[in-house]
Amino acid sequence: MKKIVAMLAMASMLAGSCSVMAAEIETKAEATDAERNYSPESGTGWMYADINGEHVEFEFAGFGKGLTGHTYNFKAEEYDLAVTFNKELEVGTQMDENSIIQIELMSRDEATSGYYFAKKTVRENVDSTVILDQKTEEGLMQGEFDVTVLSGNRYVGDARPGMLPELEISNGEFCFCE
């Protein structure tokens, strides 16, 4: 009888701690959404993504104009990222293959260190998906994306070809203003 009472007490405590943990997780998720600025000022913004399952937060670091479009630069503690979106992206419409026409990722993370690069060419496509949620004439862009970035085949600065054959970037979200 004492064992049953002890087990019931233990189950009750466990259920209570689970509900407290669930409430803490929900509060953290709400705080993260509240921290995300969906109306960034000119020259600011952010990008969040999971790189091979690890959550990474980037800050917008500017952009450059080229023949293929605007290249947007982002920096994180362990990564530098440059991405060029397809000019044909439309707000509210999912675009798959080649929605990102070029992406370059330099990693300083020990597990993935090196240079990763994918570019749309006549022979190769970029395995990517982008949903553009917002794009304004003032330069505000907001959306979600997934992309596979292959290991680069050359040295760039201090970065050698990537240690892994590819990096999966998933659950990506961005919001920045040029």
C-alpha atoms as a PDB file:
ATOM      1  CA  MET A   1       0.000   0.000   0.000  1.00  0.00           C
ATOM      2  CA  LYS A   2       2.836   2.402   0.868  1.00  0.00           C
ATOM      3  CA  LYS A   3       4.424   1.692  -2.514  1.00  0.00           C
ATOM      4  CA  ILE A   4       1.212   2.593  -4.340  1.00  0.00           C
ATOM      5  CA  VAL A   5       0.834   5.837  -2.377  1.00  0.00           C
ATOM      6  CA  ALA A   6       4.495   6.703  -3.054  1.00  0.00           C
ATOM      7  CA  MET A   7       4.080   5.960  -6.772  1.00  0.00           C
ATOM      8  CA  LEU A   8       0.937   8.113  -6.966  1.00  0.00           C
ATOM      9  CA  ALA A   9       2.719  10.965  -5.182  1.00  0.00           C
ATOM     10  CA  MET A  10       5.669  10.634  -7.567  1.00  0.00           C
ATOM     11  CA  ALA A  11       3.362  10.632 -10.612  1.00  0.00           C
ATOM     12  CA  SER A  12       1.584  13.719  -9.290  1.00  0.00           C
ATOM     13  CA  MET A  13       4.891  15.571  -8.827  1.00  0.00           C
ATOM     14  CA  LEU A  14       6.061  14.509 -12.290  1.00  0.00           C
ATOM     15  CA  ALA A  15       2.841  15.723 -13.927  1.00  0.00           C
ATOM     16  CA  GLY A  16       3.155  19.062 -12.134  1.00  0.00           C
ATOM     17  CA  SER A  17       6.762  19.536 -13.246  1.00  0.00           C
ATOM     18  CA  CYS A  18       5.848  18.630 -16.849  1.00  0.00           C
ATOM     19  CA  SER A  19       3.143  21.310 -16.946  1.00  0.00           C
ATOM     20  CA  VAL A  20       5.586  23.863 -15.490  1.00  0.00           C
ATOM     21  CA  MET A  21       8.193  22.919 -18.128  1.00  0.00           C
ATOM     22  CA  ALA A  22       5.600  23.180 -20.907  1.00  0.00           C
ATOM     23  CA  ALA A  23       4.604  26.646 -19.673  1.00  0.00           C
ATOM     24  CA  GLU A  24       8.278  27.705 -19.611  1.00  0.00           C
ATOM     25  CA  ILE A  25       8.816  26.469 -23.189  1.00  0.00           C
ATOM     26  CA  GLU A  26       5.697  28.333 -24.362  1.00  0.00           C
ATOM     27  CA  THR A  27       6.861  31.520 -22.615  1.00  0.00           C
ATOM     28  CA  LYS A  28      10.302  31.243 -24.255  1.00  0.00           C
ATOM     29  CA  ALA A  29       8.694  30.793 -27.697  1.00  0.00           C
ATOM     30  CA  GLU A  30       6.512  33.863 -27.116  1.00  0.00           C
ATOM     31  CA  ALA A  31       9.554  35.844 -25.956  1.00  0.00           C
ATOM     32  CA  THR A  32      11.491  34.817 -29.068  1.00  0.00           C
ATOM     33  CA  ASP A  33       8.629  35.973 -31.317  1.00  0.00           C
ATOM     34  CA  ALA A  34       8.359  39.220 -29.356  1.00  0.00           C
ATOM     35  CA  GLU A  35      12.114  39.807 -29.748  1.00  0.00           C
ATOM     36  CA  ARG A  36      11.922  39.458 -33.520  1.00  0.00           C
ATOM     37  CA  ASN A  37      11.529  42.859 -35.082  1.00  0.00           C
ATOM     38  CA  TYR A  38       9.274  42.556 -38.129  1.00  0.00           C
ATOM     39  CA  SER A  39       9.668  46.281 -38.884  1.00  0.00           C
ATOM     40  CA  PRO A  40      13.437  46.757 -39.006  1.00  0.00           C
ATOM     41  CA  GLU A  41      14.978  50.116 -39.810  1.00  0.00           C
ATOM     42  CA  SER A  42      16.930  50.620 -43.012  1.00  0.00           C
ATOM     43  CA  GLY A  43      20.189  48.653 -42.952  1.00  0.00           C
ATOM     44  CA  THR A  44      19.101  46.304 -40.172  1.00  0.00           C
ATOM     45  CA  GLY A  45      17.426  42.924 -39.875  1.00  0.00           C
ATOM     46  CA  TRP A  46      17.881  39.285 -38.975  1.00  0.00           C
ATOM     47  CA  MET A  47      17.814  35.714 -40.194  1.00  0.00           C
ATOM     48  CA  TYR A  48      17.182  32.571 -38.142  1.00  0.00           C
ATOM     49  CA  ALA A  49      17.816  29.060 -39.440  1.00  0.00           C
ATOM     50  CA  ASP A  50      18.708  25.537 -38.399  1.00  0.00           C
ATOM     51  CA  ILE A  51      22.015  24.463 -39.946  1.00  0.00           C
ATOM     52  CA  ASN A  52      22.234  20.672 -39.780  1.00  0.00           C
ATOM     53  CA  GLY A  53      19.815  20.819 -36.851  1.00  0.00           C
ATOM     54  CA  GLU A  54      21.647  23.546 -34.894  1.00  0.00           C
ATOM     55  CA  HIS A  55      19.757  26.838 -34.433  1.00  0.00           C
ATOM     56  CA  VAL A  56      21.768  29.838 -35.713  1.00  0.00           C
ATOM     57  CA  GLU A  57      20.844  33.531 -35.478  1.00  0.00           C
ATOM     58  CA  PHE A  58      22.268  35.933 -38.068  1.00  0.00           C
ATOM     59  CA  GLU A  59      22.322  39.731 -38.218  1.00  0.00           C
ATOM     60  CA  PHE A  60      21.839  41.591 -41.491  1.00  0.00           C
ATOM     61  CA  ALA A  61      25.195  43.013 -42.600  1.00  0.00           C
ATOM     62  CA  GLY A  62      24.250  44.840 -45.807  1.00  0.00           C
ATOM     63  CA  PHE A  63      23.805  44.083 -49.483  1.00  0.00           C
ATOM     64  CA  GLY A  64      25.418  44.540 -52.864  1.00  0.00           C
ATOM     65  CA  LYS A  65      23.933  44.885 -56.332  1.00  0.00           C
ATOM     66  CA  GLY A  66      25.101  42.655 -59.169  1.00  0.00           C
ATOM     67  CA  LEU A  67      24.057  41.326 -62.551  1.00  0.00           C
ATOM     68  CA  THR A  68      22.076  38.489 -60.987  1.00  0.00           C
ATOM     69  CA  GLY A  69      20.326  40.687 -58.426  1.00  0.00           C
ATOM     70  CA  HIS A  70      20.898  41.845 -54.878  1.00  0.00           C
ATOM     71  CA  THR A  71      23.222  39.769 -52.693  1.00  0.00           C
ATOM     72  CA  TYR A  72      22.261  40.020 -49.028  1.00  0.00           C
ATOM     73  CA  ASN A  73      24.947  39.471 -46.378  1.00  0.00           C
ATOM     74  CA  PHE A  74      24.410  38.109 -42.880  1.00  0.00           C
ATOM     75  CA  LYS A  75      26.812  37.423 -40.012  1.00  0.00           C
ATOM     76  CA  ALA A  76      26.624  35.087 -37.030  1.00  0.00           C
ATOM     77  CA  GLU A  77      29.163  34.052 -34.433  1.00  0.00           C
ATOM     78  CA  GLU A  78      30.204  30.942 -36.377  1.00  0.00           C
ATOM     79  CA  TYR A  79      29.058  31.748 -39.935  1.00  0.00           C
ATOM     80  CA  ASP A  80      29.109  34.390 -42.682  1.00  0.00           C
ATOM     81  CA  LEU A  81      26.327  34.003 -45.243  1.00  0.00           C
ATOM     82  CA  ALA A  82      25.616  35.699 -48.581  1.00  0.00           C
ATOM     83  CA  VAL A  83      22.406  34.897 -50.454  1.00  0.00           C
ATOM     84  CA  THR A  84      20.888  36.007 -53.764  1.00  0.00           C
ATOM     85  CA  PHE A  85      17.166  35.373 -54.158  1.00  0.00           C
ATOM     86  CA  ASN A  86      15.511  34.723 -57.515  1.00  0.00           C
ATOM     87  CA  LYS A  87      14.159  37.968 -59.018  1.00  0.00           C
ATOM     88  CA  GLU A  88      10.920  36.164 -59.904  1.00  0.00           C
ATOM     89  CA  LEU A  89       9.903  35.564 -56.261  1.00  0.00           C
ATOM     90  CA  GLU A  90       6.334  36.716 -55.661  1.00  0.00           C
ATOM     91  CA  VAL A  91       4.779  37.587 -52.320  1.00  0.00           C
ATOM     92  CA  GLY A  92       2.585  34.779 -50.991  1.00  0.00           C
ATOM     93  CA  THR A  93       3.743  32.187 -53.522  1.00  0.00           C
ATOM     94  CA  GLN A  94       6.104  29.325 -52.716  1.00  0.00           C
ATOM     95  CA  MET A  95       8.952  28.990 -55.189  1.00  0.00           C
ATOM     96  CA  ASP A  96      10.950  25.787 -55.159  1.00  0.00           C
ATOM     97  CA  GLU A  97      14.122  24.849 -57.056  1.00  0.00           C
ATOM     98  CA  ASN A  98      16.319  27.894 -57.766  1.00  0.00           C
ATOM     99  CA  SER A  99      14.297  30.239 -55.548  1.00  0.00           C
ATOM    100  CA  ILE A 100      17.760  30.975 -54.153  1.00  0.00           C
ATOM    101  CA  ILE A 101      20.035  31.365 -57.162  1.00  0.00           C
ATOM    102  CA  GLN A 102      23.255  31.657 -55.191  1.00  0.00           C
ATOM    103  CA  ILE A 103      24.256  31.062 -51.588  1.00  0.00           C
ATOM    104  CA  GLU A 104      27.690  31.196 -50.027  1.00  0.00           C
ATOM    105  CA  LEU A 105      28.391  30.120 -46.459  1.00  0.00           C
ATOM    106  CA  MET A 106      31.726  30.346 -44.674  1.00  0.00           C
ATOM    107  CA  SER A 107      31.805  28.372 -41.442  1.00  0.00           C
ATOM    108  CA  ARG A 108      34.140  28.777 -38.496  1.00  0.00           C
ATOM    109  CA  ASP A 109      32.258  26.134 -36.523  1.00  0.00           C
ATOM    110  CA  GLU A 110      34.604  23.220 -35.743  1.00  0.00           C
ATOM    111  CA  ALA A 111      32.084  20.570 -36.829  1.00  0.00           C
ATOM    112  CA  THR A 112      31.476  22.096 -40.278  1.00  0.00           C
ATOM    113  CA  SER A 113      34.377  24.499 -40.855  1.00  0.00           C
ATOM    114  CA  GLY A 114      35.097  25.508 -44.411  1.00  0.00           C
ATOM    115  CA  TYR A 115      33.473  27.034 -47.450  1.00  0.00           C
ATOM    116  CA  TYR A 116      30.048  26.024 -48.802  1.00  0.00           C
ATOM    117  CA  PHE A 117      28.597  27.323 -52.066  1.00  0.00           C
ATOM    118  CA  ALA A 118      25.659  26.620 -54.382  1.00  0.00           C
ATOM    119  CA  LYS A 119      24.843  28.532 -57.565  1.00  0.00           C
ATOM    120  CA  LYS A 120      22.302  28.137 -60.345  1.00  0.00           C
ATOM    121  CA  THR A 121      24.102  27.299 -63.593  1.00  0.00           C
ATOM    122  CA  VAL A 122      23.147  25.731 -66.910  1.00  0.00           C
ATOM    123  CA  ARG A 123      24.070  22.287 -65.525  1.00  0.00           C
ATOM    124  CA  GLU A 124      23.188  22.694 -61.831  1.00  0.00           C
ATOM    125  CA  ASN A 125      20.186  23.823 -59.823  1.00  0.00           C
ATOM    126  CA  VAL A 126      20.011  25.069 -56.251  1.00  0.00           C
ATOM    127  CA  ASP A 127      17.903  22.797 -54.038  1.00  0.00           C
ATOM    128  CA  SER A 128      15.903  25.528 -52.285  1.00  0.00           C
ATOM    129  CA  THR A 129      12.429  26.662 -51.292  1.00  0.00           C
ATOM    130  CA  VAL A 130      11.411  30.235 -50.465  1.00  0.00           C
ATOM    131  CA  ILE A 131       8.080  31.723 -49.442  1.00  0.00           C
ATOM    132  CA  LEU A 132       8.221  35.501 -49.627  1.00  0.00           C
ATOM    133  CA  ASP A 133       5.782  36.904 -47.061  1.00  0.00           C
ATOM    134  CA  GLN A 134       6.441  40.585 -47.640  1.00  0.00           C
ATOM    135  CA  LYS A 135       8.407  42.815 -50.011  1.00  0.00           C
ATOM    136  CA  THR A 136       8.001  46.583 -50.061  1.00  0.00           C
ATOM    137  CA  GLU A 137       9.297  49.357 -52.265  1.00  0.00           C
ATOM    138  CA  GLU A 138      11.140  50.703 -49.208  1.00  0.00           C
ATOM    139  CA  GLY A 139      13.352  47.574 -49.274  1.00  0.00           C
ATOM    140  CA  LEU A 140      11.705  45.501 -46.530  1.00  0.00           C
ATOM    141  CA  MET A 141      11.837  41.738 -47.200  1.00  0.00           C
ATOM    142  CA  GLN A 142      10.370  39.019 -45.014  1.00  0.00           C
ATOM    143  CA  GLY A 143      10.032  35.314 -45.690  1.00  0.00           C
ATOM    144  CA  GLU A 144      10.867  31.704 -44.964  1.00  0.00           C
ATOM    145  CA  PHE A 145      13.305  29.343 -46.669  1.00  0.00           C
ATOM    146  CA  ASP A 146      15.040  25.953 -46.815  1.00  0.00           C
ATOM    147  CA  VAL A 147      18.167  25.213 -48.852  1.00  0.00           C
ATOM    148  CA  THR A 148      20.918  22.618 -49.259  1.00  0.00           C
ATOM    149  CA  VAL A 149      24.364  24.196 -49.610  1.00  0.00           C
ATOM    150  CA  LEU A 150      27.106  22.020 -51.104  1.00  0.00           C
ATOM    151  CA  SER A 151      30.731  21.989 -50.012  1.00  0.00           C
ATOM    152  CA  GLY A 152      32.728  24.545 -52.005  1.00  0.00           C
ATOM    153  CA  ASN A 153      35.599  23.276 -54.126  1.00  0.00           C
ATOM    154  CA  ARG A 154      38.052  26.108 -53.548  1.00  0.00           C
ATOM    155  CA  TYR A 155      39.707  28.104 -50.807  1.00  0.00           C
ATOM    156  CA  VAL A 156      38.158  31.454 -49.867  1.00  0.00           C
ATOM    157  CA  GLY A 157      40.182  33.601 -47.499  1.00  0.00           C
ATOM    158  CA  ASP A 158      41.015  31.372 -44.564  1.00  0.00           C
ATOM    159  CA  ALA A 159      38.240  28.891 -45.338  1.00  0.00           C
ATOM    160  CA  ARG A 160      39.083  25.638 -47.089  1.00  0.00           C
ATOM    161  CA  PRO A 161      36.484  23.468 -48.829  1.00  0.00           C
ATOM    162  CA  GLY A 162      33.820  22.405 -46.351  1.00  0.00           C
ATOM    163  CA  MET A 163      34.379  19.390 -44.124  1.00  0.00           C
ATOM    164  CA  LEU A 164      30.907  17.993 -44.879  1.00  0.00           C
ATOM    165  CA  PRO A 165      29.562  17.293 -48.384  1.00  0.00           C
ATOM    166  CA  GLU A 166      26.624  19.643 -47.759  1.00  0.00           C
ATOM    167  CA  LEU A 167      24.823  21.702 -45.138  1.00  0.00           C
ATOM    168  CA  GLU A 168      21.058  21.491 -44.710  1.00  0.00           C
ATOM    169  CA  ILE A 169      19.630  24.887 -43.811  1.00  0.00           C
ATOM    170  CA  SER A 170      16.030  24.446 -42.687  1.00  0.00           C
ATOM    171  CA  ASN A 171      13.289  26.338 -40.866  1.00  0.00           C
ATOM    172  CA  GLY A 172      14.867  29.554 -42.085  1.00  0.00           C
ATOM    173  CA  GLU A 173      13.169  32.879 -41.548  1.00  0.00           C
ATOM    174  CA  PHE A 174      14.376  36.352 -42.445  1.00  0.00           C
ATOM    175  CA  CYS A 175      13.282  39.956 -42.098  1.00  0.00           C
ATOM    176  CA  PHE A 176      15.482  42.874 -43.107  1.00  0.00           C
ATOM    177  CA  CYS A 177      15.371  46.286 -44.710  1.00  0.00           C
ATOM    178  CA  GLU A 178      17.927  47.396 -47.293  1.00  0.00           C
END
